[in-house]
Every structure is written in C-alpha cells, then in structure tokens.
Amino acid sequence: MLEEPPVVRPRDSYPEGVNVEFVQITGERELSMRVYERGSGETRSCGTGTCAVALAASIHTKSRLPITWVINPPGGRLEVTIDAHSNAVLVGPAVLIKDVDISEYLIA
C-alpha cells in the first residue's frame, strides 16, 4: 500500500491533489494497475481510471480500434473495450464492500 500520496508537479497546479494510476503492461492486451485517489489514498480499483488507462494504452501501443484490454487492479479483473470512436465500455464485477446509513452523517 502507498503510505504517502504521489508527488505530481507542478504541485501548485493541483492544490487539491490528483488521482494517479500506476500501470504496467503485463501481456499483449493485458495491464496491471494500482490506483491512488485524492482524499482516499490507495484504492482497490477506479472505473474512470481503468477506462482512461485502456485508452492511454491503446494510444501508446498504436493499437488498431476496436480493442479490448484486460486490466488487473487489486480489486479484480476488468475488461475495457475501446471502440472505433474511442468510446470505452467497462465490464467487471460490482461488489458491495460496505453498507452505510448516511442519515447519521447528515444530522448536524
């Protein structure tokens, strides 16, 4: 787990911090990913970040579209298809990790 937030420069440009994905190509169409979200720290996954990573990988590898990437964050295997118009479709499990009654947080 990341103990400290990643340093993103210029720091003054992002006073509230940024979300950062750390990515490694692990196969022909497969990536490993870790996520650091501002305000939360390291998380098990991020849908928006996963789609962004798939599009960035497609551009980086000059892949012909459509293409499907398998992405492996700590939270589990995901698939992202980037279509011919650069739209992303994310497929993966939705898992409940906590059930919270927010009314207790709204009472002042």
PDB file of N, CA and C in Angstrom:
ATOM      1  N   MET A   1       0.837  -1.188   0.000  1.00  0.00           N
ATOM      2  CA  MET A   1       0.000   0.000   0.000  1.00  0.00           C
ATOM      3  C   MET A   1       0.879   1.247   0.000  1.00  0.00           C
ATOM      4  N   LEU A   2       0.399   2.269  -0.697  1.00  0.00           N
ATOM      5  CA  LEU A   2       1.102   3.543  -0.711  1.00  0.00           C
ATOM      6  C   LEU A   2       0.818   4.287   0.586  1.00  0.00           C
ATOM      7  N   GLU A   3       1.858   4.675   1.287  1.00  0.00           N
ATOM      8  CA  GLU A   3       1.702   5.384   2.555  1.00  0.00           C
ATOM      9  C   GLU A   3       1.533   6.883   2.341  1.00  0.00           C
ATOM     10  N   GLU A   4       2.184   7.426   1.321  1.00  0.00           N
ATOM     11  CA  GLU A   4       2.148   8.855   1.029  1.00  0.00           C
ATOM     12  C   GLU A   4       1.593   9.071  -0.369  1.00  0.00           C
ATOM     13  N   PRO A   5       0.912  10.200  -0.595  1.00  0.00           N
ATOM     14  CA  PRO A   5       0.416  10.467  -1.944  1.00  0.00           C
ATOM     15  C   PRO A   5       1.574  10.668  -2.909  1.00  0.00           C
ATOM     16  N   PRO A   6       1.393  10.266  -4.185  1.00  0.00           N
ATOM     17  CA  PRO A   6       2.435  10.510  -5.173  1.00  0.00           C
ATOM     18  C   PRO A   6       2.619  12.012  -5.373  1.00  0.00           C
ATOM     19  N   VAL A   7       3.842  12.421  -5.649  1.00  0.00           N
ATOM     20  CA  VAL A   7       4.123  13.830  -5.903  1.00  0.00           C
ATOM     21  C   VAL A   7       3.891  14.098  -7.382  1.00  0.00           C
ATOM     22  N   VAL A   8       3.003  15.038  -7.676  1.00  0.00           N
ATOM     23  CA  VAL A   8       2.716  15.434  -9.049  1.00  0.00           C
ATOM     24  C   VAL A   8       3.130  16.886  -9.186  1.00  0.00           C
ATOM     25  N   ARG A   9       3.964  17.153 -10.177  1.00  0.00           N
ATOM     26  CA  ARG A   9       4.466  18.513 -10.373  1.00  0.00           C
ATOM     27  C   ARG A   9       3.892  19.114 -11.632  1.00  0.00           C
ATOM     28  N   PRO A  10       3.671  20.415 -11.721  1.00  0.00           N
ATOM     29  CA  PRO A  10       3.886  21.359 -10.624  1.00  0.00           C
ATOM     30  C   PRO A  10       2.779  21.249  -9.586  1.00  0.00           C
ATOM     31  N   ARG A  11       3.183  21.114  -8.357  1.00  0.00           N
ATOM     32  CA  ARG A  11       2.257  20.880  -7.248  1.00  0.00           C
ATOM     33  C   ARG A  11       1.239  22.019  -7.105  1.00  0.00           C
ATOM     34  N   ASP A  12       1.680  23.256  -7.387  1.00  0.00           N
ATOM     35  CA  ASP A  12       0.781  24.409  -7.264  1.00  0.00           C
ATOM     36  C   ASP A  12      -0.386  24.335  -8.240  1.00  0.00           C
ATOM     37  N   SER A  13      -0.226  23.595  -9.329  1.00  0.00           N
ATOM     38  CA  SER A  13      -1.296  23.478 -10.323  1.00  0.00           C
ATOM     39  C   SER A  13      -2.434  22.589  -9.836  1.00  0.00           C
ATOM     40  N   TYR A  14      -2.171  21.775  -8.817  1.00  0.00           N
ATOM     41  CA  TYR A  14      -3.170  20.826  -8.308  1.00  0.00           C
ATOM     42  C   TYR A  14      -3.273  20.947  -6.790  1.00  0.00           C
ATOM     43  N   PRO A  15      -3.772  22.078  -6.283  1.00  0.00           N
ATOM     44  CA  PRO A  15      -3.771  22.278  -4.829  1.00  0.00           C
ATOM     45  C   PRO A  15      -4.607  21.252  -4.063  1.00  0.00           C
ATOM     46  N   GLU A  16      -5.607  20.644  -4.710  1.00  0.00           N
ATOM     47  CA  GLU A  16      -6.439  19.645  -4.037  1.00  0.00           C
ATOM     48  C   GLU A  16      -5.961  18.224  -4.312  1.00  0.00           C
ATOM     49  N   GLY A  17      -4.862  18.083  -5.046  1.00  0.00           N
ATOM     50  CA  GLY A  17      -4.330  16.771  -5.383  1.00  0.00           C
ATOM     51  C   GLY A  17      -4.932  16.223  -6.658  1.00  0.00           C
ATOM     52  N   VAL A  18      -4.462  15.059  -7.071  1.00  0.00           N
ATOM     53  CA  VAL A  18      -4.950  14.400  -8.287  1.00  0.00           C
ATOM     54  C   VAL A  18      -5.063  12.901  -8.043  1.00  0.00           C
ATOM     55  N   ASN A  19      -5.825  12.244  -8.898  1.00  0.00           N
ATOM     56  CA  ASN A  19      -5.863  10.786  -8.903  1.00  0.00           C
ATOM     57  C   ASN A  19      -4.742  10.303  -9.812  1.00  0.00           C
ATOM     58  N   VAL A  20      -4.066   9.235  -9.407  1.00  0.00           N
ATOM     59  CA  VAL A  20      -2.941   8.711 -10.180  1.00  0.00           C
ATOM     60  C   VAL A  20      -3.096   7.206 -10.339  1.00  0.00           C
ATOM     61  N   GLU A  21      -2.911   6.723 -11.567  1.00  0.00           N
ATOM     62  CA  GLU A  21      -2.892   5.287 -11.841  1.00  0.00           C
ATOM     63  C   GLU A  21      -1.458   4.892 -12.192  1.00  0.00           C
ATOM     64  N   PHE A  22      -0.969   3.831 -11.563  1.00  0.00           N
ATOM     65  CA  PHE A  22       0.339   3.264 -11.878  1.00  0.00           C
ATOM     66  C   PHE A  22       0.075   2.018 -12.709  1.00  0.00           C
ATOM     67  N   VAL A  23       0.657   1.946 -13.901  1.00  0.00           N
ATOM     68  CA  VAL A  23       0.297   0.899 -14.855  1.00  0.00           C
ATOM     69  C   VAL A  23       1.536   0.188 -15.373  1.00  0.00           C
ATOM     70  N   GLN A  24       1.399  -1.122 -15.550  1.00  0.00           N
ATOM     71  CA  GLN A  24       2.460  -1.936 -16.144  1.00  0.00           C
ATOM     72  C   GLN A  24       1.829  -2.823 -17.207  1.00  0.00           C
ATOM     73  N   ILE A  25       2.446  -2.865 -18.388  1.00  0.00           N
ATOM     74  CA  ILE A  25       1.995  -3.785 -19.433  1.00  0.00           C
ATOM     75  C   ILE A  25       2.478  -5.173 -19.050  1.00  0.00           C
ATOM     76  N   THR A  26       1.546  -6.127 -18.915  1.00  0.00           N
ATOM     77  CA  THR A  26       1.901  -7.478 -18.474  1.00  0.00           C
ATOM     78  C   THR A  26       1.649  -8.534 -19.540  1.00  0.00           C
ATOM     79  N   GLY A  27       1.061  -8.132 -20.654  1.00  0.00           N
ATOM     80  CA  GLY A  27       0.782  -9.061 -21.748  1.00  0.00           C
ATOM     81  C   GLY A  27       0.410  -8.281 -22.989  1.00  0.00           C
ATOM     82  N   GLU A  28       0.094  -9.001 -24.068  1.00  0.00           N
ATOM     83  CA  GLU A  28      -0.203  -8.335 -25.335  1.00  0.00           C
ATOM     84  C   GLU A  28      -1.351  -7.336 -25.215  1.00  0.00           C
ATOM     85  N   ARG A  29      -2.381  -7.696 -24.494  1.00  0.00           N
ATOM     86  CA  ARG A  29      -3.522  -6.803 -24.269  1.00  0.00           C
ATOM     87  C   ARG A  29      -3.916  -6.827 -22.798  1.00  0.00           C
ATOM     88  N   GLU A  30      -2.923  -6.883 -21.946  1.00  0.00           N
ATOM     89  CA  GLU A  30      -3.171  -7.009 -20.508  1.00  0.00           C
ATOM     90  C   GLU A  30      -2.304  -6.026 -19.739  1.00  0.00           C
ATOM     91  N   LEU A  31      -2.915  -5.407 -18.718  1.00  0.00           N
ATOM     92  CA  LEU A  31      -2.247  -4.404 -17.906  1.00  0.00           C
ATOM     93  C   LEU A  31      -2.478  -4.683 -16.429  1.00  0.00           C
ATOM     94  N   SER A  32      -1.502  -4.326 -15.615  1.00  0.00           N
ATOM     95  CA  SER A  32      -1.648  -4.344 -14.166  1.00  0.00           C
ATOM     96  C   SER A  32      -1.762  -2.885 -13.734  1.00  0.00           C
ATOM     97  N   MET A  33      -2.597  -2.594 -12.744  1.00  0.00           N
ATOM     98  CA  MET A  33      -2.840  -1.204 -12.367  1.00  0.00           C
ATOM     99  C   MET A  33      -3.018  -1.071 -10.860  1.00  0.00           C
ATOM    100  N   ARG A  34      -2.434  -0.006 -10.304  1.00  0.00           N
ATOM    101  CA  ARG A  34      -2.696   0.401  -8.922  1.00  0.00           C
ATOM    102  C   ARG A  34      -3.240   1.822  -8.964  1.00  0.00           C
ATOM    103  N   VAL A  35      -4.083   2.146  -8.008  1.00  0.00           N
ATOM    104  CA  VAL A  35      -4.810   3.416  -8.029  1.00  0.00           C
ATOM    105  C   VAL A  35      -4.561   4.191  -6.741  1.00  0.00           C
ATOM    106  N   TYR A  36      -4.264   5.478  -6.888  1.00  0.00           N
ATOM    107  CA  TYR A  36      -4.206   6.384  -5.742  1.00  0.00           C
ATOM    108  C   TYR A  36      -5.213   7.495  -6.007  1.00  0.00           C
ATOM    109  N   GLU A  37      -6.237   7.608  -5.149  1.00  0.00           N
ATOM    110  CA  GLU A  37      -7.278   8.622  -5.331  1.00  0.00           C
ATOM    111  C   GLU A  37      -7.125   9.710  -4.278  1.00  0.00           C
ATOM    112  N   ARG A  38      -7.173  10.949  -4.760  1.00  0.00           N
ATOM    113  CA  ARG A  38      -7.035  12.075  -3.821  1.00  0.00           C
ATOM    114  C   ARG A  38      -8.155  12.004  -2.784  1.00  0.00           C
ATOM    115  N   GLY A  39      -7.779  12.226  -1.561  1.00  0.00           N
ATOM    116  CA  GLY A  39      -8.761  12.197  -0.483  1.00  0.00           C
ATOM    117  C   GLY A  39      -9.052  10.812   0.069  1.00  0.00           C
ATOM    118  N   SER A  40      -8.656   9.763  -0.652  1.00  0.00           N
ATOM    119  CA  SER A  40      -8.938   8.393  -0.206  1.00  0.00           C
ATOM    120  C   SER A  40      -7.683   7.566   0.004  1.00  0.00           C
ATOM    121  N   GLY A  41      -6.622   7.891  -0.717  1.00  0.00           N
ATOM    122  CA  GLY A  41      -5.411   7.081  -0.678  1.00  0.00           C
ATOM    123  C   GLY A  41      -5.487   5.970  -1.708  1.00  0.00           C
ATOM    124  N   GLU A  42      -4.728   4.910  -1.486  1.00  0.00           N
ATOM    125  CA  GLU A  42      -4.739   3.797  -2.440  1.00  0.00           C
ATOM    126  C   GLU A  42      -6.072   3.061  -2.339  1.00  0.00           C
ATOM    127  N   THR A  43      -6.679   2.791  -3.488  1.00  0.00           N
ATOM    128  CA  THR A  43      -7.953   2.078  -3.537  1.00  0.00           C
ATOM    129  C   THR A  43      -7.794   0.797  -4.344  1.00  0.00           C
ATOM    130  N   ARG A  44      -8.795  -0.061  -4.273  1.00  0.00           N
ATOM    131  CA  ARG A  44      -8.712  -1.354  -4.954  1.00  0.00           C
ATOM    132  C   ARG A  44      -8.995  -1.255  -6.442  1.00  0.00           C
ATOM    133  N   SER A  45      -9.644  -0.164  -6.872  1.00  0.00           N
ATOM    134  CA  SER A  45      -9.960  -0.002  -8.285  1.00  0.00           C
ATOM    135  C   SER A  45     -10.555   1.373  -8.518  1.00  0.00           C
ATOM    136  N   CYS A  46     -10.693   1.761  -9.776  1.00  0.00           N
ATOM    137  CA  CYS A  46     -11.339   3.020 -10.157  1.00  0.00           C
ATOM    138  C   CYS A  46     -11.832   2.862 -11.590  1.00  0.00           C
ATOM    139  N   GLY A  47     -13.145   2.892 -11.784  1.00  0.00           N
ATOM    140  CA  GLY A  47     -13.713   2.688 -13.116  1.00  0.00           C
ATOM    141  C   GLY A  47     -13.262   3.726 -14.119  1.00  0.00           C
ATOM    142  N   THR A  48     -13.310   4.996 -13.729  1.00  0.00           N
ATOM    143  CA  THR A  48     -12.889   6.062 -14.632  1.00  0.00           C
ATOM    144  C   THR A  48     -11.415   5.916 -14.972  1.00  0.00           C
ATOM    145  N   GLY A  49     -10.596   5.658 -13.962  1.00  0.00           N
ATOM    146  CA  GLY A  49      -9.166   5.476 -14.194  1.00  0.00           C
ATOM    147  C   GLY A  49      -8.876   4.275 -15.071  1.00  0.00           C
ATOM    148  N   THR A  50      -9.634   3.195 -14.888  1.00  0.00           N
ATOM    149  CA  THR A  50      -9.458   1.991 -15.697  1.00  0.00           C
ATOM    150  C   THR A  50      -9.733   2.285 -17.166  1.00  0.00           C
ATOM    151  N   CYS A  51     -10.799   3.023 -17.447  1.00  0.00           N
ATOM    152  CA  CYS A  51     -11.116   3.384 -18.836  1.00  0.00           C
ATOM    153  C   CYS A  51     -10.043   4.304 -19.415  1.00  0.00           C
ATOM    154  N   ALA A  52      -9.576   5.261 -18.622  1.00  0.00           N
ATOM    155  CA  ALA A  52      -8.522   6.163 -19.079  1.00  0.00           C
ATOM    156  C   ALA A  52      -7.236   5.399 -19.380  1.00  0.00           C
ATOM    157  N   VAL A  53      -6.904   4.434 -18.535  1.00  0.00           N
ATOM    158  CA  VAL A  53      -5.713   3.614 -18.740  1.00  0.00           C
ATOM    159  C   VAL A  53      -5.822   2.810 -20.035  1.00  0.00           C
ATOM    160  N   ALA A  54      -6.991   2.239 -20.308  1.00  0.00           N
ATOM    161  CA  ALA A  54      -7.183   1.460 -21.539  1.00  0.00           C
ATOM    162  C   ALA A  54      -7.018   2.338 -22.774  1.00  0.00           C
ATOM    163  N   LEU A  55      -7.572   3.544 -22.740  1.00  0.00           N
ATOM    164  CA  LEU A  55      -7.424   4.450 -23.879  1.00  0.00           C
ATOM    165  C   LEU A  55      -5.971   4.879 -24.038  1.00  0.00           C
ATOM    166  N   ALA A  56      -5.310   5.214 -22.937  1.00  0.00           N
ATOM    167  CA  ALA A  56      -3.898   5.606 -22.994  1.00  0.00           C
ATOM    168  C   ALA A  56      -3.033   4.463 -23.523  1.00  0.00           C
ATOM    169  N   ALA A  57      -3.313   3.231 -23.092  1.00  0.00           N
ATOM    170  CA  ALA A  57      -2.553   2.070 -23.578  1.00  0.00           C
ATOM    171  C   ALA A  57      -2.779   1.868 -25.072  1.00  0.00           C
ATOM    172  N   SER A  58      -4.007   2.093 -25.531  1.00  0.00           N
ATOM    173  CA  SER A  58      -4.309   1.958 -26.959  1.00  0.00           C
ATOM    174  C   SER A  58      -3.513   2.965 -27.777  1.00  0.00           C
ATOM    175  N   ILE A  59      -3.432   4.190 -27.280  1.00  0.00           N
ATOM    176  CA  ILE A  59      -2.658   5.229 -27.966  1.00  0.00           C
ATOM    177  C   ILE A  59      -1.172   4.907 -27.900  1.00  0.00           C
ATOM    178  N   HIS A  60      -0.690   4.542 -26.705  1.00  0.00           N
ATOM    179  CA  HIS A  60       0.736   4.251 -26.506  1.00  0.00           C
ATOM    180  C   HIS A  60       1.224   3.115 -27.404  1.00  0.00           C
ATOM    181  N   THR A  61       0.407   2.085 -27.550  1.00  0.00           N
ATOM    182  CA  THR A  61       0.810   0.918 -28.350  1.00  0.00           C
ATOM    183  C   THR A  61       0.388   1.040 -29.813  1.00  0.00           C
ATOM    184  N   LYS A  62      -0.229   2.188 -30.158  1.00  0.00           N
ATOM    185  CA  LYS A  62      -0.704   2.414 -31.531  1.00  0.00           C
ATOM    186  C   LYS A  62      -1.611   1.276 -32.000  1.00  0.00           C
ATOM    187  N   SER A  63      -2.478   0.838 -31.095  1.00  0.00           N
ATOM    188  CA  SER A  63      -3.374  -0.283 -31.377  1.00  0.00           C
ATOM    189  C   SER A  63      -4.477   0.126 -32.341  1.00  0.00           C
ATOM    190  N   ARG A  64      -4.862  -0.818 -33.162  1.00  0.00           N
ATOM    191  CA  ARG A  64      -5.994  -0.612 -34.064  1.00  0.00           C
ATOM    192  C   ARG A  64      -7.280  -0.813 -33.260  1.00  0.00           C
ATOM    193  N   LEU A  65      -8.226   0.094 -33.455  1.00  0.00           N
ATOM    194  CA  LEU A  65      -9.503   0.017 -32.741  1.00  0.00           C
ATOM    195  C   LEU A  65     -10.540  -0.692 -33.592  1.00  0.00           C
ATOM    196  N   PRO A  66     -11.464  -1.420 -33.004  1.00  0.00           N
ATOM    197  CA  PRO A  66     -11.675  -1.596 -31.565  1.00  0.00           C
ATOM    198  C   PRO A  66     -10.650  -2.558 -30.965  1.00  0.00           C
ATOM    199  N   ILE A  67     -10.441  -2.409 -29.668  1.00  0.00           N
ATOM    200  CA  ILE A  67      -9.527  -3.283 -28.933  1.00  0.00           C
ATOM    201  C   ILE A  67     -10.079  -3.483 -27.521  1.00  0.00           C
ATOM    202  N   THR A  68      -9.871  -4.673 -26.979  1.00  0.00           N
ATOM    203  CA  THR A  68     -10.269  -4.971 -25.600  1.00  0.00           C
ATOM    204  C   THR A  68      -9.015  -5.234 -24.775  1.00  0.00           C
ATOM    205  N   TRP A  69      -8.932  -4.558 -23.647  1.00  0.00           N
ATOM    206  CA  TRP A  69      -7.829  -4.723 -22.705  1.00  0.00           C
ATOM    207  C   TRP A  69      -8.334  -5.438 -21.457  1.00  0.00           C
ATOM    208  N   VAL A  70      -7.517  -6.325 -20.917  1.00  0.00           N
ATOM    209  CA  VAL A  70      -7.755  -6.918 -19.599  1.00  0.00           C
ATOM    210  C   VAL A  70      -6.901  -6.112 -18.631  1.00  0.00           C
ATOM    211  N   ILE A  71      -7.537  -5.577 -17.599  1.00  0.00           N
ATOM    212  CA  ILE A  71      -6.833  -4.739 -16.636  1.00  0.00           C
ATOM    213  C   ILE A  71      -7.015  -5.351 -15.254  1.00  0.00           C
ATOM    214  N   ASN A  72      -5.901  -5.475 -14.540  1.00  0.00           N
ATOM    215  CA  ASN A  72      -5.899  -6.157 -13.243  1.00  0.00           C
ATOM    216  C   ASN A  72      -5.504  -5.216 -12.108  1.00  0.00           C
ATOM    217  N   PRO A  73      -6.470  -4.473 -11.556  1.00  0.00           N
ATOM    218  CA  PRO A  73      -6.195  -3.729 -10.329  1.00  0.00           C
ATOM    219  C   PRO A  73      -6.322  -4.682  -9.143  1.00  0.00           C
ATOM    220  N   PRO A  74      -5.926  -4.264  -7.937  1.00  0.00           N
ATOM    221  CA  PRO A  74      -6.053  -5.144  -6.775  1.00  0.00           C
ATOM    222  C   PRO A  74      -7.480  -5.641  -6.529  1.00  0.00           C
ATOM    223  N   GLY A  75      -8.490  -4.887  -6.965  1.00  0.00           N
ATOM    224  CA  GLY A  75      -9.881  -5.264  -6.729  1.00  0.00           C
ATOM    225  C   GLY A  75     -10.412  -6.358  -7.626  1.00  0.00           C
ATOM    226  N   GLY A  76      -9.666  -6.737  -8.661  1.00  0.00           N
ATOM    227  CA  GLY A  76     -10.117  -7.820  -9.529  1.00  0.00           C
ATOM    228  C   GLY A  76     -10.061  -7.478 -11.004  1.00  0.00           C
ATOM    229  N   ARG A  77     -10.160  -8.503 -11.801  1.00  0.00           N
ATOM    230  CA  ARG A  77     -10.018  -8.420 -13.258  1.00  0.00           C
ATOM    231  C   ARG A  77     -11.157  -7.622 -13.887  1.00  0.00           C
ATOM    232  N   LEU A  78     -10.789  -6.702 -14.792  1.00  0.00           N
ATOM    233  CA  LEU A  78     -11.752  -5.891 -15.531  1.00  0.00           C
ATOM    234  C   LEU A  78     -11.424  -5.965 -17.014  1.00  0.00           C
ATOM    235  N   GLU A  79     -12.421  -5.746 -17.854  1.00  0.00           N
ATOM    236  CA  GLU A  79     -12.194  -5.651 -19.293  1.00  0.00           C
ATOM    237  C   GLU A  79     -12.714  -4.309 -19.772  1.00  0.00           C
ATOM    238  N   VAL A  80     -11.919  -3.649 -20.609  1.00  0.00           N
ATOM    239  CA  VAL A  80     -12.339  -2.388 -21.215  1.00  0.00           C
ATOM    240  C   VAL A  80     -12.174  -2.517 -22.716  1.00  0.00           C
ATOM    241  N   THR A  81     -13.259  -2.264 -23.442  1.00  0.00           N
ATOM    242  CA  THR A  81     -13.200  -2.229 -24.897  1.00  0.00           C
ATOM    243  C   THR A  81     -13.224  -0.773 -25.332  1.00  0.00           C
ATOM    244  N   ILE A  82     -12.257  -0.405 -26.157  1.00  0.00           N
ATOM    245  CA  ILE A  82     -12.221   0.914 -26.779  1.00  0.00           C
ATOM    246  C   ILE A  82     -12.717   0.720 -28.202  1.00  0.00           C
ATOM    247  N   ASP A  83     -13.827   1.398 -28.552  1.00  0.00           N
ATOM    248  CA  ASP A  83     -14.406   1.195 -29.882  1.00  0.00           C
ATOM    249  C   ASP A  83     -13.744   2.102 -30.926  1.00  0.00           C
ATOM    250  N   ALA A  84     -14.221   2.031 -32.147  1.00  0.00           N
ATOM    251  CA  ALA A  84     -13.626   2.774 -33.257  1.00  0.00           C
ATOM    252  C   ALA A  84     -13.718   4.289 -33.077  1.00  0.00           C
ATOM    253  N   HIS A  85     -14.598   4.751 -32.187  1.00  0.00           N
ATOM    254  CA  HIS A  85     -14.752   6.188 -31.929  1.00  0.00           C
ATOM    255  C   HIS A  85     -14.086   6.600 -30.615  1.00  0.00           C
ATOM    256  N   SER A  86     -13.286   5.719 -30.053  1.00  0.00           N
ATOM    257  CA  SER A  86     -12.573   5.930 -28.786  1.00  0.00           C
ATOM    258  C   SER A  86     -13.491   5.977 -27.569  1.00  0.00           C
ATOM    259  N   ASN A  87     -14.699   5.415 -27.693  1.00  0.00           N
ATOM    260  CA  ASN A  87     -15.579   5.251 -26.533  1.00  0.00           C
ATOM    261  C   ASN A  87     -15.123   4.029 -25.744  1.00  0.00           C
ATOM    262  N   ALA A  88     -15.267   4.079 -24.435  1.00  0.00           N
ATOM    263  CA  ALA A  88     -14.853   2.971 -23.576  1.00  0.00           C
ATOM    264  C   ALA A  88     -16.067   2.274 -22.971  1.00  0.00           C
ATOM    265  N   VAL A  89     -16.025   0.936 -22.976  1.00  0.00           N
ATOM    266  CA  VAL A  89     -17.044   0.124 -22.314  1.00  0.00           C
ATOM    267  C   VAL A  89     -16.325  -0.736 -21.279  1.00  0.00           C
ATOM    268  N   LEU A  90     -16.688  -0.557 -20.013  1.00  0.00           N
ATOM    269  CA  LEU A  90     -16.060  -1.260 -18.895  1.00  0.00           C
ATOM    270  C   LEU A  90     -16.946  -2.414 -18.454  1.00  0.00           C
ATOM    271  N   VAL A  91     -16.344  -3.602 -18.303  1.00  0.00           N
ATOM    272  CA  VAL A  91     -17.065  -4.786 -17.842  1.00  0.00           C
ATOM    273  C   VAL A  91     -16.283  -5.398 -16.684  1.00  0.00           C
ATOM    274  N   GLY A  92     -16.987  -5.670 -15.601  1.00  0.00           N
ATOM    275  CA  GLY A  92     -16.347  -6.299 -14.457  1.00  0.00           C
ATOM    276  C   GLY A  92     -17.353  -6.453 -13.337  1.00  0.00           C
ATOM    277  N   PRO A  93     -16.944  -7.098 -12.258  1.00  0.00           N
ATOM    278  CA  PRO A  93     -17.870  -7.340 -11.156  1.00  0.00           C
ATOM    279  C   PRO A  93     -18.146  -6.066 -10.362  1.00  0.00           C
ATOM    280  N   ALA A  94     -19.359  -5.967  -9.859  1.00  0.00           N
ATOM    281  CA  ALA A  94     -19.708  -4.914  -8.906  1.00  0.00           C
ATOM    282  C   ALA A  94     -19.846  -5.605  -7.552  1.00  0.00           C
ATOM    283  N   VAL A  95     -19.064  -5.177  -6.590  1.00  0.00           N
ATOM    284  CA  VAL A  95     -19.024  -5.851  -5.301  1.00  0.00           C
ATOM    285  C   VAL A  95     -19.313  -4.849  -4.191  1.00  0.00           C
ATOM    286  N   LEU A  96     -20.284  -5.161  -3.338  1.00  0.00           N
ATOM    287  CA  LEU A  96     -20.588  -4.327  -2.185  1.00  0.00           C
ATOM    288  C   LEU A  96     -19.503  -4.539  -1.139  1.00  0.00           C
ATOM    289  N   ILE A  97     -18.833  -3.452  -0.756  1.00  0.00           N
ATOM    290  CA  ILE A  97     -17.789  -3.584   0.255  1.00  0.00           C
ATOM    291  C   ILE A  97     -18.211  -3.017   1.605  1.00  0.00           C
ATOM    292  N   LYS A  98     -19.274  -2.200   1.611  1.00  0.00           N
ATOM    293  CA  LYS A  98     -19.757  -1.657   2.875  1.00  0.00           C
ATOM    294  C   LYS A  98     -21.173  -1.146   2.680  1.00  0.00           C
ATOM    295  N   ASP A  99     -22.005  -1.322   3.692  1.00  0.00           N
ATOM    296  CA  ASP A  99     -23.372  -0.818   3.699  1.00  0.00           C
ATOM    297  C   ASP A  99     -23.433   0.267   4.770  1.00  0.00           C
ATOM    298  N   VAL A 100     -23.721   1.511   4.362  1.00  0.00           N
ATOM    299  CA  VAL A 100     -23.681   2.639   5.286  1.00  0.00           C
ATOM    300  C   VAL A 100     -25.010   3.379   5.253  1.00  0.00           C
ATOM    301  N   ASP A 101     -25.519   3.741   6.428  1.00  0.00           N
ATOM    302  CA  ASP A 101     -26.697   4.595   6.534  1.00  0.00           C
ATOM    303  C   ASP A 101     -26.191   6.028   6.627  1.00  0.00           C
ATOM    304  N   ILE A 102     -26.320   6.793   5.536  1.00  0.00           N
ATOM    305  CA  ILE A 102     -25.749   8.141   5.522  1.00  0.00           C
ATOM    306  C   ILE A 102     -26.553   9.145   6.334  1.00  0.00           C
ATOM    307  N   SER A 103     -27.766   8.788   6.757  1.00  0.00           N
ATOM    308  CA  SER A 103     -28.573   9.742   7.524  1.00  0.00           C
ATOM    309  C   SER A 103     -27.866  10.167   8.808  1.00  0.00           C
ATOM    310  N   GLU A 104     -27.097   9.278   9.417  1.00  0.00           N
ATOM    311  CA  GLU A 104     -26.383   9.635  10.645  1.00  0.00           C
ATOM    312  C   GLU A 104     -25.315  10.688  10.381  1.00  0.00           C
ATOM    313  N   TYR A 105     -24.804  10.755   9.157  1.00  0.00           N
ATOM    314  CA  TYR A 105     -23.794  11.746   8.807  1.00  0.00           C
ATOM    315  C   TYR A 105     -24.429  13.085   8.440  1.00  0.00           C
ATOM    316  N   LEU A 106     -25.713  13.080   8.101  1.00  0.00           N
ATOM    317  CA  LEU A 106     -26.398  14.297   7.686  1.00  0.00           C
ATOM    318  C   LEU A 106     -27.028  15.051   8.848  1.00  0.00           C
ATOM    319  N   ILE A 107     -27.102  14.420  10.010  1.00  0.00           N
ATOM    320  CA  ILE A 107     -27.692  15.059  11.188  1.00  0.00           C
ATOM    321  C   ILE A 107     -26.641  15.961  11.818  1.00  0.00           C
ATOM    322  N   ALA A 108     -26.968  17.246  11.921  1.00  0.00           N
ATOM    323  CA  ALA A 108     -25.989  18.210  12.455  1.00  0.00           C
ATOM    324  C   ALA A 108     -26.097  18.336  13.951  1.00  0.00           C
TER     325      ALA A 108
END
